[in-house]
Amino acid sequence: MQDEATQTTVTQEVKAKRTVKNSIFLDLFKDKKYLLTLYKTLHPEDTKATENSLTDITIENVLTDNLYNDLGFIANNKLMILIEAQSI
């Protein structure tokens, strides 16, 4: 018979870094070239949009280091707020 010490298995909990996708998303769309591409994909009818017509309004949370909304911008009088569904 084996004793209890040799039968015990060690389990290690692996936690995914959930902010990786969020930070890639934010870093990508901070560049107005990519933000314009995103906007034109969502609104192909707006042919007048340029990089200069985009205004970043992403809100930072004042109580923590995290961003309050994932991405917010205004393009030709259209307010665009893109948020990620959160789970616990």
Protein backbone atom coordinates (compact mmCIF):
# COMPACT_ATOMS: atom_id res chain seq x y z
CA MET A 1 0.00 0.00 0.00
CA GLN A 2 1.10 3.55 -0.73
CA ASP A 3 1.02 6.03 2.06
CA GLU A 4 -1.15 9.17 1.92
CA ALA A 5 1.79 11.49 1.26
CA THR A 6 2.63 9.79 -2.03
CA GLN A 7 -1.02 9.64 -3.13
CA THR A 8 -1.60 13.37 -2.68
CA THR A 9 -1.40 15.25 -5.94
CA VAL A 10 -0.50 18.89 -6.12
CA THR A 11 -2.90 20.99 -8.14
CA GLN A 12 -1.97 24.43 -9.30
CA GLU A 13 -4.63 26.88 -10.29
CA VAL A 14 -3.85 28.70 -13.50
CA LYS A 15 -5.40 32.12 -13.88
CA ALA A 16 -5.57 33.81 -17.24
CA LYS A 17 -4.58 37.44 -17.51
CA ARG A 18 -7.94 38.81 -18.62
CA THR A 19 -6.62 42.31 -19.33
CA VAL A 20 -4.42 41.17 -22.23
CA LYS A 21 -7.18 41.35 -24.85
CA ASN A 22 -8.39 44.66 -23.43
CA SER A 23 -4.96 46.29 -23.53
CA ILE A 24 -4.34 45.09 -27.10
CA PHE A 25 -7.74 46.50 -28.10
CA LEU A 26 -6.98 49.87 -26.50
CA ASP A 27 -3.43 50.08 -27.84
CA LEU A 28 -4.57 49.27 -31.37
CA PHE A 29 -7.37 51.82 -31.49
CA LYS A 30 -5.39 54.64 -29.86
CA ASP A 31 -3.81 54.92 -33.30
CA LYS A 32 -6.21 57.07 -35.33
CA LYS A 33 -5.40 55.18 -38.52
CA TYR A 34 -6.88 52.00 -37.04
CA LEU A 35 -9.67 53.88 -35.30
CA LEU A 36 -10.71 55.37 -38.65
CA THR A 37 -10.68 51.90 -40.22
CA LEU A 38 -12.93 50.64 -37.40
CA TYR A 39 -15.29 53.58 -37.81
CA LYS A 40 -15.53 53.17 -41.58
CA THR A 41 -16.25 49.46 -41.10
CA LEU A 42 -19.13 50.30 -38.77
CA HIS A 43 -20.36 53.26 -40.87
CA PRO A 44 -19.46 52.70 -44.54
CA GLU A 45 -21.97 55.37 -45.56
CA ASP A 46 -19.82 58.10 -43.98
CA THR A 47 -17.31 58.80 -46.75
CA LYS A 48 -16.23 62.16 -45.30
CA ALA A 49 -14.61 60.80 -42.12
CA THR A 50 -10.89 61.48 -41.72
CA GLU A 51 -8.37 60.91 -38.95
CA ASN A 52 -8.68 64.61 -38.05
CA SER A 53 -12.46 64.27 -37.62
CA LEU A 54 -12.03 61.68 -34.83
CA THR A 55 -11.92 62.79 -31.20
CA ASP A 56 -10.87 60.31 -28.51
CA ILE A 57 -13.11 60.56 -25.43
CA THR A 58 -12.06 57.39 -23.61
CA ILE A 59 -12.77 58.05 -19.92
CA GLU A 60 -10.25 57.11 -17.25
CA ASN A 61 -11.52 56.04 -13.87
CA VAL A 62 -10.37 58.57 -11.27
CA LEU A 63 -10.42 56.13 -8.35
CA THR A 64 -8.36 53.33 -9.90
CA ASP A 65 -5.82 52.87 -12.66
CA ASN A 66 -8.33 51.11 -14.91
CA LEU A 67 -10.22 52.69 -17.78
CA TYR A 68 -13.90 53.33 -17.16
CA ASN A 69 -15.04 52.53 -20.70
CA ASP A 70 -13.02 50.51 -23.16
CA LEU A 71 -13.08 52.96 -26.04
CA GLY A 72 -15.00 56.14 -26.72
CA PHE A 73 -14.72 58.52 -29.63
CA ILE A 74 -16.68 61.04 -31.64
CA ALA A 75 -16.70 60.99 -35.43
CA ASN A 76 -18.70 63.50 -37.45
CA ASN A 77 -21.14 64.17 -34.60
CA LYS A 78 -21.63 60.46 -33.85
CA LEU A 79 -20.75 59.29 -30.35
CA MET A 80 -19.23 55.80 -30.41
CA ILE A 81 -18.64 53.89 -27.18
CA LEU A 82 -17.36 50.34 -27.52
CA ILE A 83 -17.43 48.33 -24.30
CA GLU A 84 -16.56 44.79 -23.40
CA ALA A 85 -18.96 42.51 -21.54
CA GLN A 86 -17.49 41.71 -18.15
CA SER A 87 -17.80 38.47 -16.20
CA ILE A 88 -16.67 37.56 -12.73
